[in-house]
Structure formats: structure tokens, C-alpha cells
Amino acid sequence: MIVALISGFLFALIAQYVRLNTYDKIIATALLRSHEVIQILLFAIGVSSLAFFIEYLCGGTHIDVKPFYVVGVSVGGILFGSGIAILGHCPGTMTMALAEGSLDALFGYVGGILAGLLFTIIYPSILPLLGPNLGAINLYPQSNVAAGILVVAYAALLIFLGFKLSSPKNKQSI
């Protein structure tokens, strides 16, 4: 938990320093005009994956994979993406915007909390509409050695892609 907390603070500092939470950067990423946000997220996910695995090995956390419902995940993804497009913030950048006093972020948070509460209340009645339950899909092997190899390879790939991803804004002309 401590490693995750420290990683989260470091990510937030970097994100705040490069102004990752601005509407312009989020929309430029959505329109594929800039890859800065994607680069930072790839790096953050790579580092976080390693930190989480270390914490898992030390017994500080556990893995609980939820069932995969095709329709539910598809509709949820569309709603989540629509919220990002409307607000111009993902949940992480919305937190930074809220800390800076942004009212749209406040409305986004209130809307997200109310939507989550509504989903929790109606979940039992909409369960049949979520599509087939494909079970807990998990690529995580049971062996810690195999899992370690998988996590390190995954993290290295994400960090590599984060450094190599080119962006029209990131290219220097000579």
C-alpha cells in the first residue's frame, strides 16, 4: 500500500508539472494530435505494475478478478469514454482539476458518485442484461516465477513504448 501511495504521489507530481490535467491536452490526445498523455500513462502503468507485483509478493495485497460481462463492459466503456469526452478529464486529471478549484470537475465527481451509487442499487435487476458471464478472465499464472517474468516483460514493454511513442508535438526539428 505504501509503494502504491508513493507511486501515486510521484505520478501526480509529474502530471501536474507537465499540466496533464488541462482540457487541451486531454482533447489533443483523444484526437490523436498529441501522445504526451499516452506516453506518461504507459510509463505510469509500467512502473505501477512492477510496484503492485512487489507488494503482492510481500503479501500486501491480493488479486480478485471479477467476471467478464461482454455487454456490461462494452456499455460501461462507452459511458466512461463519453464522460471523459464531455468533461475533458479522466478520473486522475479530474482529481487534479478539482484540487485547483475547477467546478466542472466537481460536477464530474458528483455525477460519477451518483452514477456509481445508482449502478450499485440496480445491479441485481440489470444483471441479465449485461450479457453472458465469461468468468474471471486472467492471464496471471499461478507460479510466482512465471508471473514475475510476465509482469517484468509487460512493464518493460509499456515503459519502452512510452519512451518510443512519437508525437507531432514531441518531435524536434533540426
Protein backbone atom coordinates (compact mmCIF):
# COMPACT_ATOMS: atom_id res chain seq x y z
CA MET A 1 0.00 0.00 0.00
CA ILE A 2 2.84 2.38 0.81
CA VAL A 3 4.56 1.68 -2.52
CA ALA A 4 1.31 2.38 -4.38
CA LEU A 5 0.74 5.58 -2.42
CA ILE A 6 4.26 6.85 -3.14
CA SER A 7 3.92 5.90 -6.82
CA GLY A 8 0.60 7.74 -6.98
CA PHE A 9 2.09 10.89 -5.48
CA LEU A 10 5.04 10.76 -7.87
CA PHE A 11 2.73 10.30 -10.85
CA ALA A 12 0.56 13.20 -9.68
CA LEU A 13 3.61 15.46 -9.30
CA ILE A 14 4.81 14.65 -12.81
CA ALA A 15 1.31 15.01 -14.25
CA GLN A 16 0.81 18.35 -12.53
CA TYR A 17 4.25 19.59 -13.64
CA VAL A 18 3.53 18.88 -17.32
CA ARG A 19 -0.07 20.17 -16.98
CA LEU A 20 -1.52 16.82 -17.91
CA ASN A 21 -4.86 17.79 -16.44
CA THR A 22 -5.67 20.52 -18.95
CA TYR A 23 -8.65 20.13 -21.24
CA ASP A 24 -6.46 20.92 -24.26
CA LYS A 25 -4.07 18.03 -23.55
CA ILE A 26 -6.86 15.51 -22.97
CA ILE A 27 -8.72 16.52 -26.15
CA ALA A 28 -5.47 16.60 -28.19
CA THR A 29 -4.87 13.03 -27.05
CA ALA A 30 -8.42 11.97 -27.93
CA LEU A 31 -7.99 13.49 -31.41
CA LEU A 32 -4.55 11.81 -31.74
CA ARG A 33 -2.83 15.17 -32.18
CA SER A 34 -0.52 14.59 -29.23
CA HIS A 35 0.69 11.46 -27.49
CA GLU A 36 2.11 13.05 -24.35
CA VAL A 37 -0.72 11.80 -22.14
CA ILE A 38 -0.43 8.28 -23.58
CA GLN A 39 3.34 8.30 -23.06
CA ILE A 40 3.00 9.31 -19.41
CA LEU A 41 0.24 6.76 -18.80
CA LEU A 42 2.28 3.95 -20.39
CA PHE A 43 5.21 4.81 -18.15
CA ALA A 44 2.99 5.09 -15.05
CA ILE A 45 1.22 1.78 -15.72
CA GLY A 46 4.55 0.03 -16.34
CA VAL A 47 6.07 1.27 -13.09
CA SER A 48 2.83 0.65 -11.15
CA SER A 49 2.66 -2.92 -12.45
CA LEU A 50 6.09 -3.64 -11.01
CA ALA A 51 5.22 -1.94 -7.70
CA PHE A 52 1.93 -3.85 -7.42
CA PHE A 53 3.64 -7.18 -8.11
CA ILE A 54 6.29 -6.50 -5.46
CA GLU A 55 3.54 -5.62 -2.99
CA TYR A 56 1.65 -8.79 -3.98
CA LEU A 57 4.76 -10.93 -3.36
CA CYS A 58 5.19 -9.31 0.06
CA GLY A 59 1.59 -10.17 0.98
CA GLY A 60 0.42 -6.56 1.00
CA THR A 61 -2.41 -7.14 -1.48
CA HIS A 62 -4.34 -9.85 -3.29
CA ILE A 63 -5.75 -10.32 -6.77
CA ASP A 64 -9.52 -10.72 -7.11
CA VAL A 65 -10.55 -10.91 -10.78
CA LYS A 66 -14.22 -10.11 -11.39
CA PRO A 67 -16.41 -11.86 -14.01
CA PHE A 68 -16.34 -10.51 -17.56
CA TYR A 69 -19.73 -9.50 -18.98
CA VAL A 70 -19.37 -8.53 -22.67
CA VAL A 71 -22.37 -6.16 -22.88
CA GLY A 72 -21.74 -4.70 -19.44
CA VAL A 73 -18.09 -3.92 -20.17
CA SER A 74 -18.93 -2.51 -23.62
CA VAL A 75 -21.70 -0.21 -22.35
CA GLY A 76 -19.60 0.78 -19.34
CA GLY A 77 -16.67 1.65 -21.60
CA ILE A 78 -18.87 3.79 -23.83
CA LEU A 79 -20.30 5.63 -20.81
CA PHE A 80 -16.84 6.10 -19.29
CA GLY A 81 -15.38 7.38 -22.57
CA SER A 82 -18.34 9.72 -23.07
CA GLY A 83 -17.78 11.16 -19.62
CA ILE A 84 -14.11 11.77 -20.39
CA ALA A 85 -15.03 13.47 -23.69
CA ILE A 86 -17.70 15.67 -22.08
CA LEU A 87 -15.59 16.71 -19.07
CA GLY A 88 -12.22 16.75 -20.80
CA HIS A 89 -10.79 14.87 -17.82
CA CYS A 90 -10.15 11.27 -16.87
CA PRO A 91 -10.61 10.40 -13.17
CA GLY A 92 -6.97 11.14 -12.34
CA THR A 93 -6.82 14.50 -14.09
CA MET A 94 -10.26 15.34 -12.73
CA THR A 95 -8.81 15.00 -9.22
CA MET A 96 -6.06 17.46 -10.10
CA ALA A 97 -8.57 19.87 -11.66
CA LEU A 98 -10.77 19.61 -8.55
CA ALA A 99 -7.76 20.43 -6.35
CA GLU A 100 -7.23 23.55 -8.48
CA GLY A 101 -10.85 24.63 -7.89
CA SER A 102 -12.46 23.52 -11.17
CA LEU A 103 -16.26 23.46 -10.95
CA ASP A 104 -16.65 21.13 -13.94
CA ALA A 105 -14.51 18.59 -12.09
CA LEU A 106 -16.75 18.95 -9.05
CA PHE A 107 -19.83 18.21 -11.17
CA GLY A 108 -17.97 15.30 -12.76
CA TYR A 109 -17.19 13.83 -9.35
CA VAL A 110 -20.74 14.26 -8.08
CA GLY A 111 -22.10 12.71 -11.30
CA GLY A 112 -19.65 9.81 -11.08
CA ILE A 113 -20.50 9.08 -7.45
CA LEU A 114 -24.24 9.24 -8.14
CA ALA A 115 -23.88 7.01 -11.23
CA GLY A 116 -21.85 4.50 -9.20
CA LEU A 117 -24.46 4.52 -6.45
CA LEU A 118 -27.27 4.06 -8.98
CA PHE A 119 -25.41 1.17 -10.63
CA THR A 120 -24.88 -0.50 -7.25
CA ILE A 121 -28.57 -0.21 -6.44
CA ILE A 122 -29.87 -1.51 -9.80
CA TYR A 123 -27.12 -4.10 -10.42
CA PRO A 124 -29.17 -7.14 -9.30
CA SER A 125 -32.06 -6.19 -11.59
CA ILE A 126 -29.90 -5.47 -14.68
CA LEU A 127 -27.60 -8.49 -14.29
CA PRO A 128 -29.44 -10.48 -17.00
CA LEU A 129 -28.96 -7.57 -19.43
CA LEU A 130 -25.18 -7.50 -19.01
CA GLY A 131 -24.69 -10.36 -21.45
CA PRO A 132 -23.01 -13.70 -20.97
CA ASN A 133 -20.72 -14.16 -17.98
CA LEU A 134 -17.40 -15.29 -19.44
CA GLY A 135 -15.97 -15.80 -15.98
CA ALA A 136 -12.88 -14.30 -14.43
CA ILE A 137 -10.52 -13.93 -17.37
CA ASN A 138 -6.99 -13.85 -16.06
CA LEU A 139 -3.61 -14.05 -17.76
CA TYR A 140 -1.87 -14.28 -14.42
CA PRO A 141 -0.09 -17.64 -13.98
CA GLN A 142 -0.19 -19.47 -10.66
CA SER A 143 3.61 -19.67 -10.36
CA ASN A 144 5.24 -16.55 -8.88
CA VAL A 145 8.30 -17.06 -11.10
CA ALA A 146 6.19 -17.22 -14.28
CA ALA A 147 4.12 -14.29 -13.04
CA GLY A 148 7.28 -12.31 -12.33
CA ILE A 149 8.55 -12.91 -15.86
CA LEU A 150 5.17 -11.86 -17.29
CA VAL A 151 4.97 -8.71 -15.13
CA VAL A 152 8.54 -7.62 -15.86
CA ALA A 153 8.07 -8.20 -19.61
CA TYR A 154 4.75 -6.29 -19.56
CA ALA A 155 6.21 -3.39 -17.58
CA ALA A 156 9.32 -3.24 -19.79
CA LEU A 157 7.17 -3.20 -22.93
CA LEU A 158 4.96 -0.38 -21.62
CA ILE A 159 7.93 1.71 -20.48
CA PHE A 160 9.70 1.12 -23.81
CA LEU A 161 6.58 2.12 -25.77
CA GLY A 162 6.17 5.18 -23.57
CA PHE A 163 9.67 6.35 -24.44
CA LYS A 164 9.44 5.44 -28.14
CA LEU A 165 5.94 6.68 -28.94
CA SER A 166 6.35 9.61 -31.26
CA SER A 167 4.12 12.62 -31.18
CA PRO A 168 3.96 15.52 -33.61
CA LYS A 169 4.35 17.80 -30.59
CA ASN A 170 7.33 15.87 -29.23
CA LYS A 171 9.41 15.88 -32.44
CA GLN A 172 12.25 18.35 -32.58
CA SER A 173 13.10 19.85 -35.94
CA ILE A 174 16.79 20.19 -36.69
